[in-house]
Amino acid sequence: MQSRGLALVIIRVVVGGWFLKAAFTKVTLDYLWWVPFPTVTQRFINFLPKRLAEFAAENPVLWYQHFLTETAIPHAKLFAFLESFGEVGVGVGLTLGLLTSFSSLVGLFMSINFFVATQWMSFSQQGFHLVLAGCMLGFLIGRAGRYWGIDALILKWSHNRILHALL
């Protein structure tokens, strides 16, 4: 049991670190007067419509191609925020073992979307996003947050049945 937990922790932290690395160049601090707040870089906001157009160009999944061209590209600023802060949330959640099941669900949703967007571009794109989705399923099934994470600490000190079910 201990080795399974340690294995899940190692993979969980590595995958969480990857999500944080992916978000690192997309998120920055801005200031409202003297109060800092996180936001998406203008560089990423400008880049995303071009990248989405590449994903849509010859995508054989027609409903997804339509989604990219009709929804995501016209609302690229919103999708830049969703992607960036989604990556931050998944990265922090997995790395710290905080709300791990929810973080894994969000990560699974993002991985599937990345897969459908890029699967036609190269074989390596297919493999990477499938492995990422498999890791997310493993975290969900293995309840990865219950091993050496903040979820484990919360469960240890809380006797709330609803909280136990959620974590």
N, C-alpha and C. Protein backbone atom coordinates (compact mmCIF):
# COMPACT_ATOMS: atom_id res chain seq x y z
N MET A 1 0.82 -1.20 0.00
CA MET A 1 0.00 0.00 0.00
C MET A 1 0.86 1.25 0.00
N GLN A 2 1.94 1.26 0.76
CA GLN A 2 2.80 2.44 0.84
C GLN A 2 3.47 2.73 -0.50
N SER A 3 3.94 1.68 -1.19
CA SER A 3 4.63 1.91 -2.46
C SER A 3 3.66 2.43 -3.51
N ARG A 4 2.41 1.96 -3.49
CA ARG A 4 1.41 2.49 -4.43
C ARG A 4 1.18 3.97 -4.17
N GLY A 5 1.08 4.34 -2.91
CA GLY A 5 0.89 5.75 -2.56
C GLY A 5 2.07 6.59 -2.97
N LEU A 6 3.28 6.09 -2.75
CA LEU A 6 4.49 6.83 -3.14
C LEU A 6 4.55 6.99 -4.66
N ALA A 7 4.22 5.94 -5.39
CA ALA A 7 4.23 6.01 -6.85
C ALA A 7 3.23 7.05 -7.35
N LEU A 8 2.04 7.07 -6.78
CA LEU A 8 1.03 8.07 -7.16
C LEU A 8 1.50 9.49 -6.85
N VAL A 9 2.16 9.65 -5.70
CA VAL A 9 2.65 10.98 -5.32
C VAL A 9 3.70 11.46 -6.33
N ILE A 10 4.63 10.59 -6.68
CA ILE A 10 5.69 10.98 -7.61
C ILE A 10 5.09 11.40 -8.95
N ILE A 11 4.20 10.58 -9.48
CA ILE A 11 3.60 10.90 -10.78
C ILE A 11 2.72 12.14 -10.67
N ARG A 12 1.97 12.26 -9.58
CA ARG A 12 1.09 13.41 -9.38
C ARG A 12 1.89 14.71 -9.34
N VAL A 13 3.00 14.72 -8.62
CA VAL A 13 3.81 15.93 -8.50
C VAL A 13 4.49 16.27 -9.83
N VAL A 14 4.96 15.27 -10.55
CA VAL A 14 5.60 15.52 -11.85
C VAL A 14 4.59 16.09 -12.84
N VAL A 15 3.40 15.50 -12.91
CA VAL A 15 2.37 15.99 -13.83
C VAL A 15 1.91 17.39 -13.40
N GLY A 16 1.75 17.61 -12.10
CA GLY A 16 1.39 18.94 -11.61
C GLY A 16 2.45 19.97 -11.96
N GLY A 17 3.71 19.59 -11.84
CA GLY A 17 4.80 20.48 -12.23
C GLY A 17 4.77 20.80 -13.71
N TRP A 18 4.40 19.80 -14.53
CA TRP A 18 4.31 20.06 -15.96
C TRP A 18 3.22 21.08 -16.26
N PHE A 19 2.08 20.97 -15.59
CA PHE A 19 1.01 21.94 -15.80
C PHE A 19 1.44 23.34 -15.36
N LEU A 20 2.17 23.43 -14.24
CA LEU A 20 2.66 24.73 -13.79
C LEU A 20 3.67 25.31 -14.78
N LYS A 21 4.53 24.46 -15.31
CA LYS A 21 5.50 24.91 -16.32
C LYS A 21 4.78 25.42 -17.56
N ALA A 22 3.74 24.72 -17.97
CA ALA A 22 2.97 25.13 -19.15
C ALA A 22 2.32 26.50 -18.93
N ALA A 23 1.91 26.79 -17.71
CA ALA A 23 1.25 28.06 -17.41
C ALA A 23 2.24 29.19 -17.14
N PHE A 24 3.48 28.86 -16.86
CA PHE A 24 4.47 29.84 -16.42
C PHE A 24 4.61 31.02 -17.38
N THR A 25 4.66 30.77 -18.69
CA THR A 25 4.83 31.86 -19.65
C THR A 25 3.51 32.51 -20.05
N LYS A 26 2.40 31.98 -19.58
CA LYS A 26 1.10 32.51 -19.96
C LYS A 26 0.51 33.46 -18.91
N VAL A 27 1.00 33.37 -17.69
CA VAL A 27 0.43 34.14 -16.58
C VAL A 27 1.46 35.13 -16.07
N THR A 28 0.97 36.30 -15.72
CA THR A 28 1.84 37.34 -15.18
C THR A 28 1.09 38.11 -14.09
N LEU A 29 1.78 38.97 -13.41
CA LEU A 29 1.13 39.84 -12.42
C LEU A 29 0.90 41.20 -13.04
N ASP A 30 -0.27 41.73 -12.83
CA ASP A 30 -0.60 43.09 -13.23
C ASP A 30 -0.95 43.83 -11.95
N TYR A 31 -1.09 45.14 -12.04
CA TYR A 31 -1.36 45.92 -10.84
C TYR A 31 -2.56 46.82 -11.04
N LEU A 32 -3.42 46.82 -10.05
CA LEU A 32 -4.52 47.77 -9.98
C LEU A 32 -4.14 48.71 -8.85
N TRP A 33 -3.72 49.89 -9.20
CA TRP A 33 -3.05 50.81 -8.29
C TRP A 33 -1.81 50.11 -7.75
N TRP A 34 -1.77 49.72 -6.51
CA TRP A 34 -0.60 49.05 -5.96
C TRP A 34 -0.88 47.59 -5.61
N VAL A 35 -2.07 47.11 -5.94
CA VAL A 35 -2.47 45.75 -5.59
C VAL A 35 -2.20 44.81 -6.77
N PRO A 36 -1.31 43.83 -6.57
CA PRO A 36 -1.03 42.89 -7.68
C PRO A 36 -2.13 41.84 -7.83
N PHE A 37 -2.39 41.44 -9.06
CA PHE A 37 -3.33 40.35 -9.33
C PHE A 37 -2.84 39.58 -10.55
N PRO A 38 -3.09 38.27 -10.56
CA PRO A 38 -2.63 37.46 -11.70
C PRO A 38 -3.52 37.69 -12.92
N THR A 39 -2.90 37.68 -14.07
CA THR A 39 -3.63 37.81 -15.33
C THR A 39 -2.86 37.08 -16.42
N VAL A 40 -3.45 36.99 -17.59
CA VAL A 40 -2.82 36.32 -18.73
C VAL A 40 -1.99 37.35 -19.49
N THR A 41 -0.84 36.92 -19.97
CA THR A 41 0.02 37.83 -20.72
C THR A 41 -0.63 38.21 -22.04
N GLN A 42 -0.38 39.43 -22.46
CA GLN A 42 -0.91 39.89 -23.74
C GLN A 42 -0.32 39.07 -24.88
N ARG A 43 0.91 38.63 -24.70
CA ARG A 43 1.57 37.80 -25.72
C ARG A 43 0.77 36.52 -25.99
N PHE A 44 0.30 35.85 -24.92
CA PHE A 44 -0.47 34.63 -25.10
C PHE A 44 -1.85 34.92 -25.68
N ILE A 45 -2.46 36.00 -25.24
CA ILE A 45 -3.77 36.39 -25.78
C ILE A 45 -3.66 36.63 -27.29
N ASN A 46 -2.58 37.27 -27.73
CA ASN A 46 -2.37 37.53 -29.16
C ASN A 46 -2.03 36.25 -29.93
N PHE A 47 -1.32 35.33 -29.28
CA PHE A 47 -0.86 34.11 -29.93
C PHE A 47 -1.96 33.07 -30.10
N LEU A 48 -2.87 32.97 -29.14
CA LEU A 48 -3.84 31.88 -29.11
C LEU A 48 -4.73 31.79 -30.36
N PRO A 49 -5.26 32.89 -30.90
CA PRO A 49 -6.10 32.73 -32.10
C PRO A 49 -5.35 32.09 -33.27
N LYS A 50 -4.08 32.44 -33.44
CA LYS A 50 -3.28 31.85 -34.51
C LYS A 50 -3.09 30.35 -34.27
N ARG A 51 -2.82 30.00 -33.04
CA ARG A 51 -2.60 28.58 -32.71
C ARG A 51 -3.89 27.79 -32.87
N LEU A 52 -5.01 28.35 -32.44
CA LEU A 52 -6.30 27.67 -32.60
C LEU A 52 -6.64 27.49 -34.08
N ALA A 53 -6.29 28.47 -34.89
CA ALA A 53 -6.52 28.36 -36.33
C ALA A 53 -5.68 27.22 -36.92
N GLU A 54 -4.45 27.04 -36.43
CA GLU A 54 -3.62 25.91 -36.86
C GLU A 54 -4.27 24.59 -36.47
N PHE A 55 -4.80 24.51 -35.24
CA PHE A 55 -5.46 23.29 -34.78
C PHE A 55 -6.70 22.98 -35.61
N ALA A 56 -7.40 24.02 -36.05
CA ALA A 56 -8.64 23.83 -36.80
C ALA A 56 -8.41 23.56 -38.28
N ALA A 57 -7.27 23.99 -38.81
CA ALA A 57 -7.03 24.00 -40.26
C ALA A 57 -7.43 22.71 -40.97
N GLU A 58 -6.87 21.61 -40.57
CA GLU A 58 -7.15 20.34 -41.24
C GLU A 58 -7.66 19.28 -40.27
N ASN A 59 -8.21 19.73 -39.17
CA ASN A 59 -8.67 18.80 -38.15
C ASN A 59 -9.79 17.93 -38.71
N PRO A 60 -9.62 16.60 -38.72
CA PRO A 60 -10.64 15.72 -39.29
C PRO A 60 -11.88 15.55 -38.41
N VAL A 61 -11.81 15.98 -37.18
CA VAL A 61 -12.97 15.90 -36.29
C VAL A 61 -13.79 17.17 -36.54
N LEU A 62 -14.77 17.05 -37.43
CA LEU A 62 -15.46 18.23 -37.95
C LEU A 62 -16.19 19.03 -36.89
N TRP A 63 -16.84 18.37 -35.93
CA TRP A 63 -17.54 19.12 -34.89
C TRP A 63 -16.56 19.92 -34.05
N TYR A 64 -15.35 19.38 -33.84
CA TYR A 64 -14.35 20.10 -33.05
C TYR A 64 -13.74 21.24 -33.87
N GLN A 65 -13.53 20.98 -35.15
CA GLN A 65 -13.06 22.03 -36.05
C GLN A 65 -14.05 23.20 -36.04
N HIS A 66 -15.32 22.89 -36.10
CA HIS A 66 -16.36 23.91 -36.06
C HIS A 66 -16.33 24.66 -34.72
N PHE A 67 -16.17 23.92 -33.62
CA PHE A 67 -16.08 24.54 -32.30
C PHE A 67 -14.91 25.52 -32.25
N LEU A 68 -13.76 25.12 -32.78
CA LEU A 68 -12.59 26.00 -32.77
C LEU A 68 -12.83 27.26 -33.59
N THR A 69 -13.36 27.08 -34.80
CA THR A 69 -13.51 28.24 -35.69
C THR A 69 -14.68 29.15 -35.30
N GLU A 70 -15.76 28.57 -34.79
CA GLU A 70 -16.95 29.36 -34.50
C GLU A 70 -17.06 29.85 -33.06
N THR A 71 -16.37 29.17 -32.14
CA THR A 71 -16.50 29.53 -30.72
C THR A 71 -15.17 29.97 -30.11
N ALA A 72 -14.17 29.11 -30.21
CA ALA A 72 -12.91 29.38 -29.51
C ALA A 72 -12.14 30.56 -30.11
N ILE A 73 -12.01 30.61 -31.43
CA ILE A 73 -11.24 31.70 -32.05
C ILE A 73 -11.91 33.05 -31.84
N PRO A 74 -13.22 33.19 -32.07
CA PRO A 74 -13.85 34.50 -31.80
C PRO A 74 -13.78 34.93 -30.34
N HIS A 75 -13.66 33.98 -29.43
CA HIS A 75 -13.59 34.29 -28.00
C HIS A 75 -12.23 33.88 -27.44
N ALA A 76 -11.19 34.14 -28.21
CA ALA A 76 -9.85 33.68 -27.85
C ALA A 76 -9.37 34.26 -26.52
N LYS A 77 -9.75 35.47 -26.20
CA LYS A 77 -9.31 36.06 -24.93
C LYS A 77 -9.87 35.27 -23.76
N LEU A 78 -11.15 34.91 -23.81
CA LEU A 78 -11.75 34.09 -22.76
C LEU A 78 -11.05 32.73 -22.67
N PHE A 79 -10.80 32.10 -23.82
CA PHE A 79 -10.16 30.79 -23.81
C PHE A 79 -8.71 30.87 -23.35
N ALA A 80 -8.05 32.01 -23.57
CA ALA A 80 -6.69 32.20 -23.05
C ALA A 80 -6.72 32.20 -21.52
N PHE A 81 -7.71 32.88 -20.95
CA PHE A 81 -7.85 32.89 -19.50
C PHE A 81 -8.21 31.51 -18.97
N LEU A 82 -9.15 30.83 -19.62
CA LEU A 82 -9.55 29.49 -19.17
C LEU A 82 -8.37 28.51 -19.22
N GLU A 83 -7.64 28.52 -20.32
CA GLU A 83 -6.50 27.61 -20.43
C GLU A 83 -5.42 27.93 -19.40
N SER A 84 -5.05 29.19 -19.30
CA SER A 84 -3.97 29.57 -18.39
C SER A 84 -4.30 29.27 -16.93
N PHE A 85 -5.46 29.73 -16.49
CA PHE A 85 -5.81 29.52 -15.10
C PHE A 85 -6.22 28.08 -14.83
N GLY A 86 -6.71 27.39 -15.84
CA GLY A 86 -6.95 25.95 -15.71
C GLY A 86 -5.64 25.21 -15.46
N GLU A 87 -4.61 25.56 -16.21
CA GLU A 87 -3.30 24.93 -16.01
C GLU A 87 -2.73 25.26 -14.64
N VAL A 88 -2.90 26.49 -14.19
CA VAL A 88 -2.42 26.86 -12.85
C VAL A 88 -3.17 26.06 -11.80
N GLY A 89 -4.49 26.00 -11.91
CA GLY A 89 -5.29 25.27 -10.92
C GLY A 89 -4.95 23.79 -10.87
N VAL A 90 -4.84 23.17 -12.04
CA VAL A 90 -4.49 21.75 -12.08
C VAL A 90 -3.08 21.55 -11.53
N GLY A 91 -2.17 22.42 -11.91
CA GLY A 91 -0.78 22.30 -11.44
C GLY A 91 -0.66 22.43 -9.94
N VAL A 92 -1.30 23.43 -9.37
CA VAL A 92 -1.24 23.63 -7.91
C VAL A 92 -1.96 22.48 -7.21
N GLY A 93 -3.14 22.11 -7.70
CA GLY A 93 -3.91 21.03 -7.07
C GLY A 93 -3.15 19.72 -7.05
N LEU A 94 -2.56 19.35 -8.18
CA LEU A 94 -1.83 18.08 -8.23
C LEU A 94 -0.53 18.13 -7.44
N THR A 95 0.20 19.22 -7.56
CA THR A 95 1.48 19.32 -6.87
C THR A 95 1.32 19.27 -5.36
N LEU A 96 0.31 19.97 -4.85
CA LEU A 96 0.10 20.01 -3.40
C LEU A 96 -0.84 18.91 -2.90
N GLY A 97 -1.49 18.21 -3.80
CA GLY A 97 -2.47 17.21 -3.38
C GLY A 97 -3.70 17.88 -2.78
N LEU A 98 -4.10 19.00 -3.36
CA LEU A 98 -5.22 19.80 -2.85
C LEU A 98 -6.38 19.71 -3.83
N LEU A 99 -7.54 19.25 -3.36
CA LEU A 99 -8.69 19.03 -4.22
C LEU A 99 -8.27 18.21 -5.44
N THR A 100 -7.58 17.14 -5.17
CA THR A 100 -6.94 16.35 -6.22
C THR A 100 -7.94 15.75 -7.19
N SER A 101 -9.05 15.28 -6.72
CA SER A 101 -10.05 14.70 -7.63
C SER A 101 -10.59 15.75 -8.58
N PHE A 102 -10.91 16.92 -8.08
CA PHE A 102 -11.40 18.00 -8.93
C PHE A 102 -10.32 18.44 -9.91
N SER A 103 -9.09 18.59 -9.41
CA SER A 103 -7.97 18.97 -10.28
C SER A 103 -7.76 17.94 -11.38
N SER A 104 -7.90 16.66 -11.03
CA SER A 104 -7.74 15.60 -12.01
C SER A 104 -8.84 15.63 -13.06
N LEU A 105 -10.07 15.92 -12.64
CA LEU A 105 -11.17 16.04 -13.61
C LEU A 105 -10.94 17.19 -14.58
N VAL A 106 -10.51 18.33 -14.05
CA VAL A 106 -10.22 19.48 -14.92
C VAL A 106 -9.06 19.13 -15.85
N GLY A 107 -8.02 18.50 -15.31
CA GLY A 107 -6.89 18.09 -16.13
C GLY A 107 -7.27 17.08 -17.20
N LEU A 108 -8.18 16.17 -16.87
CA LEU A 108 -8.66 15.20 -17.85
C LEU A 108 -9.42 15.90 -18.97
N PHE A 109 -10.28 16.84 -18.61
CA PHE A 109 -11.03 17.61 -19.61
C PHE A 109 -10.07 18.38 -20.52
N MET A 110 -9.06 19.02 -19.93
CA MET A 110 -8.10 19.77 -20.73
C MET A 110 -7.29 18.84 -21.63
N SER A 111 -6.86 17.70 -21.10
CA SER A 111 -6.07 16.75 -21.88
C SER A 111 -6.85 16.20 -23.07
N ILE A 112 -8.12 15.90 -22.85
CA ILE A 112 -8.95 15.40 -23.96
C ILE A 112 -9.11 16.48 -25.02
N ASN A 113 -9.31 17.72 -24.59
CA ASN A 113 -9.42 18.82 -25.56
C ASN A 113 -8.12 19.03 -26.32
N PHE A 114 -7.00 18.99 -25.62
CA PHE A 114 -5.71 19.12 -26.30
C PHE A 114 -5.52 17.97 -27.29
N PHE A 115 -5.94 16.77 -26.90
CA PHE A 115 -5.81 15.61 -27.79
C PHE A 115 -6.64 15.80 -29.05
N VAL A 116 -7.91 16.16 -28.89
CA VAL A 116 -8.78 16.30 -30.05
C VAL A 116 -8.30 17.44 -30.95
N ALA A 117 -7.75 18.49 -30.36
CA ALA A 117 -7.27 19.62 -31.16
C ALA A 117 -6.02 19.25 -31.96
N THR A 118 -5.15 18.42 -31.40
CA THR A 118 -3.84 18.19 -32.02
C THR A 118 -3.62 16.79 -32.56
N GLN A 119 -4.54 15.87 -32.37
CA GLN A 119 -4.30 14.46 -32.71
C GLN A 119 -3.93 14.26 -34.16
N TRP A 120 -4.38 15.11 -35.06
CA TRP A 120 -4.11 14.95 -36.48
C TRP A 120 -2.76 15.51 -36.88
N MET A 121 -2.10 16.26 -36.00
CA MET A 121 -0.88 16.97 -36.37
C MET A 121 0.36 16.07 -36.38
N SER A 122 0.49 15.22 -35.37
CA SER A 122 1.64 14.32 -35.33
C SER A 122 1.37 13.19 -34.35
N PHE A 123 2.11 12.11 -34.54
CA PHE A 123 1.94 10.95 -33.67
C PHE A 123 2.35 11.28 -32.23
N SER A 124 3.37 12.11 -32.06
CA SER A 124 3.82 12.45 -30.70
C SER A 124 2.75 13.23 -29.95
N GLN A 125 2.00 14.06 -30.66
CA GLN A 125 0.92 14.80 -30.02
C GLN A 125 -0.14 13.83 -29.49
N GLN A 126 -0.45 12.82 -30.29
CA GLN A 126 -1.43 11.83 -29.86
C GLN A 126 -0.99 11.15 -28.58
N GLY A 127 0.24 10.65 -28.58
CA GLY A 127 0.74 9.89 -27.44
C GLY A 127 0.82 10.70 -26.17
N PHE A 128 1.33 11.92 -26.26
CA PHE A 128 1.51 12.74 -25.06
C PHE A 128 0.18 13.01 -24.37
N HIS A 129 -0.81 13.44 -25.12
CA HIS A 129 -2.08 13.80 -24.50
C HIS A 129 -2.85 12.57 -24.01
N LEU A 130 -2.66 11.44 -24.66
CA LEU A 130 -3.28 10.21 -24.16
C LEU A 130 -2.64 9.78 -22.84
N VAL A 131 -1.32 9.89 -22.75
CA VAL A 131 -0.64 9.56 -21.48
C VAL A 131 -1.09 10.51 -20.38
N LEU A 132 -1.20 11.78 -20.71
CA LEU A 132 -1.66 12.77 -19.72
C LEU A 132 -3.07 12.44 -19.24
N ALA A 133 -3.96 12.09 -20.16
CA ALA A 133 -5.32 11.71 -19.79
C ALA A 133 -5.31 10.44 -18.94
N GLY A 134 -4.45 9.49 -19.29
CA GLY A 134 -4.33 8.26 -18.50
C GLY A 134 -3.86 8.54 -17.09
N CYS A 135 -2.92 9.47 -16.94
CA CYS A 135 -2.46 9.86 -15.59
C CYS A 135 -3.62 10.45 -14.79
N MET A 136 -4.41 11.30 -15.42
CA MET A 136 -5.54 11.91 -14.72
C MET A 136 -6.55 10.85 -14.26
N LEU A 137 -6.81 9.88 -15.12
CA LEU A 137 -7.70 8.78 -14.71
C LEU A 137 -7.09 7.99 -13.56
N GLY A 138 -5.79 7.76 -13.62
CA GLY A 138 -5.11 7.06 -12.53
C GLY A 138 -5.21 7.81 -11.21
N PHE A 139 -5.09 9.15 -11.28
CA PHE A 139 -5.21 9.95 -10.05
C PHE A 139 -6.61 9.86 -9.48
N LEU A 140 -7.61 9.85 -10.36
CA LEU A 140 -9.00 9.74 -9.90
C LEU A 140 -9.27 8.38 -9.28
N ILE A 141 -8.91 7.33 -10.00
CA ILE A 141 -9.18 5.97 -9.54
C ILE A 141 -8.38 5.65 -8.29
N GLY A 142 -7.12 6.08 -8.26
CA GLY A 142 -6.24 5.78 -7.13
C GLY A 142 -6.38 6.73 -5.96
N ARG A 143 -7.26 7.72 -6.11
CA ARG A 143 -7.45 8.73 -5.06
C ARG A 143 -6.11 9.29 -4.60
N ALA A 144 -5.41 9.85 -5.58
CA ALA A 144 -4.03 10.27 -5.38
C ALA A 144 -3.85 11.34 -4.31
N GLY A 145 -4.86 12.13 -4.03
CA GLY A 145 -4.73 13.16 -3.01
C GLY A 145 -4.70 12.63 -1.59
N ARG A 146 -5.06 11.35 -1.42
CA ARG A 146 -5.08 10.77 -0.08
C ARG A 146 -3.70 10.32 0.37
N TYR A 147 -2.70 10.51 -0.47
CA TYR A 147 -1.33 10.14 -0.14
C TYR A 147 -0.47 11.39 -0.16
N TRP A 148 0.09 11.74 0.95
CA TRP A 148 1.05 12.82 1.08
C TRP A 148 0.62 14.08 0.38
N GLY A 149 -0.56 14.54 0.70
CA GLY A 149 -1.08 15.78 0.14
C GLY A 149 -1.94 16.49 1.15
N ILE A 150 -2.36 17.69 0.80
CA ILE A 150 -3.22 18.46 1.70
C ILE A 150 -4.56 17.76 1.90
N ASP A 151 -5.05 17.08 0.84
CA ASP A 151 -6.28 16.30 1.01
C ASP A 151 -6.15 15.28 2.14
N ALA A 152 -5.00 14.62 2.22
CA ALA A 152 -4.77 13.61 3.26
C ALA A 152 -4.81 14.25 4.65
N LEU A 153 -4.23 15.43 4.77
CA LEU A 153 -4.24 16.12 6.07
C LEU A 153 -5.66 16.52 6.47
N ILE A 154 -6.43 17.02 5.50
CA ILE A 154 -7.81 17.41 5.77
C ILE A 154 -8.61 16.19 6.21
N LEU A 155 -8.44 15.08 5.51
CA LEU A 155 -9.17 13.86 5.84
C LEU A 155 -8.78 13.32 7.22
N LYS A 156 -7.53 13.49 7.57
CA LYS A 156 -7.03 13.00 8.86
C LYS A 156 -7.69 13.74 10.02
N TRP A 157 -7.91 15.03 9.87
CA TRP A 157 -8.42 15.85 10.97
C TRP A 157 -9.91 16.11 10.90
N SER A 158 -10.54 15.80 9.79
CA SER A 158 -11.96 16.07 9.65
C SER A 158 -12.76 14.79 9.78
N HIS A 159 -13.92 14.91 10.37
CA HIS A 159 -14.81 13.77 10.51
C HIS A 159 -16.11 14.00 9.72
N ASN A 160 -16.07 14.94 8.80
CA ASN A 160 -17.23 15.27 7.99
C ASN A 160 -17.35 14.26 6.84
N ARG A 161 -18.45 13.54 6.79
CA ARG A 161 -18.65 12.49 5.76
C ARG A 161 -18.72 13.08 4.36
N ILE A 162 -19.32 14.22 4.22
CA ILE A 162 -19.42 14.84 2.89
C ILE A 162 -18.05 15.22 2.37
N LEU A 163 -17.24 15.79 3.25
CA LEU A 163 -15.87 16.16 2.88
C LEU A 163 -15.05 14.93 2.51
N HIS A 164 -15.23 13.85 3.25
CA HIS A 164 -14.53 12.60 2.93
C HIS A 164 -14.94 12.08 1.55
N ALA A 165 -16.23 12.21 1.23
CA ALA A 165 -16.70 11.74 -0.08
C ALA A 165 -16.13 12.60 -1.20
N LEU A 166 -16.03 13.90 -0.97
CA LEU A 166 -15.50 14.80 -1.99
C LEU A 166 -14.01 14.61 -2.23
N LEU A 167 -13.28 14.39 -1.16
CA LEU A 167 -11.82 14.25 -1.29
C LEU A 167 -11.43 12.81 -1.54
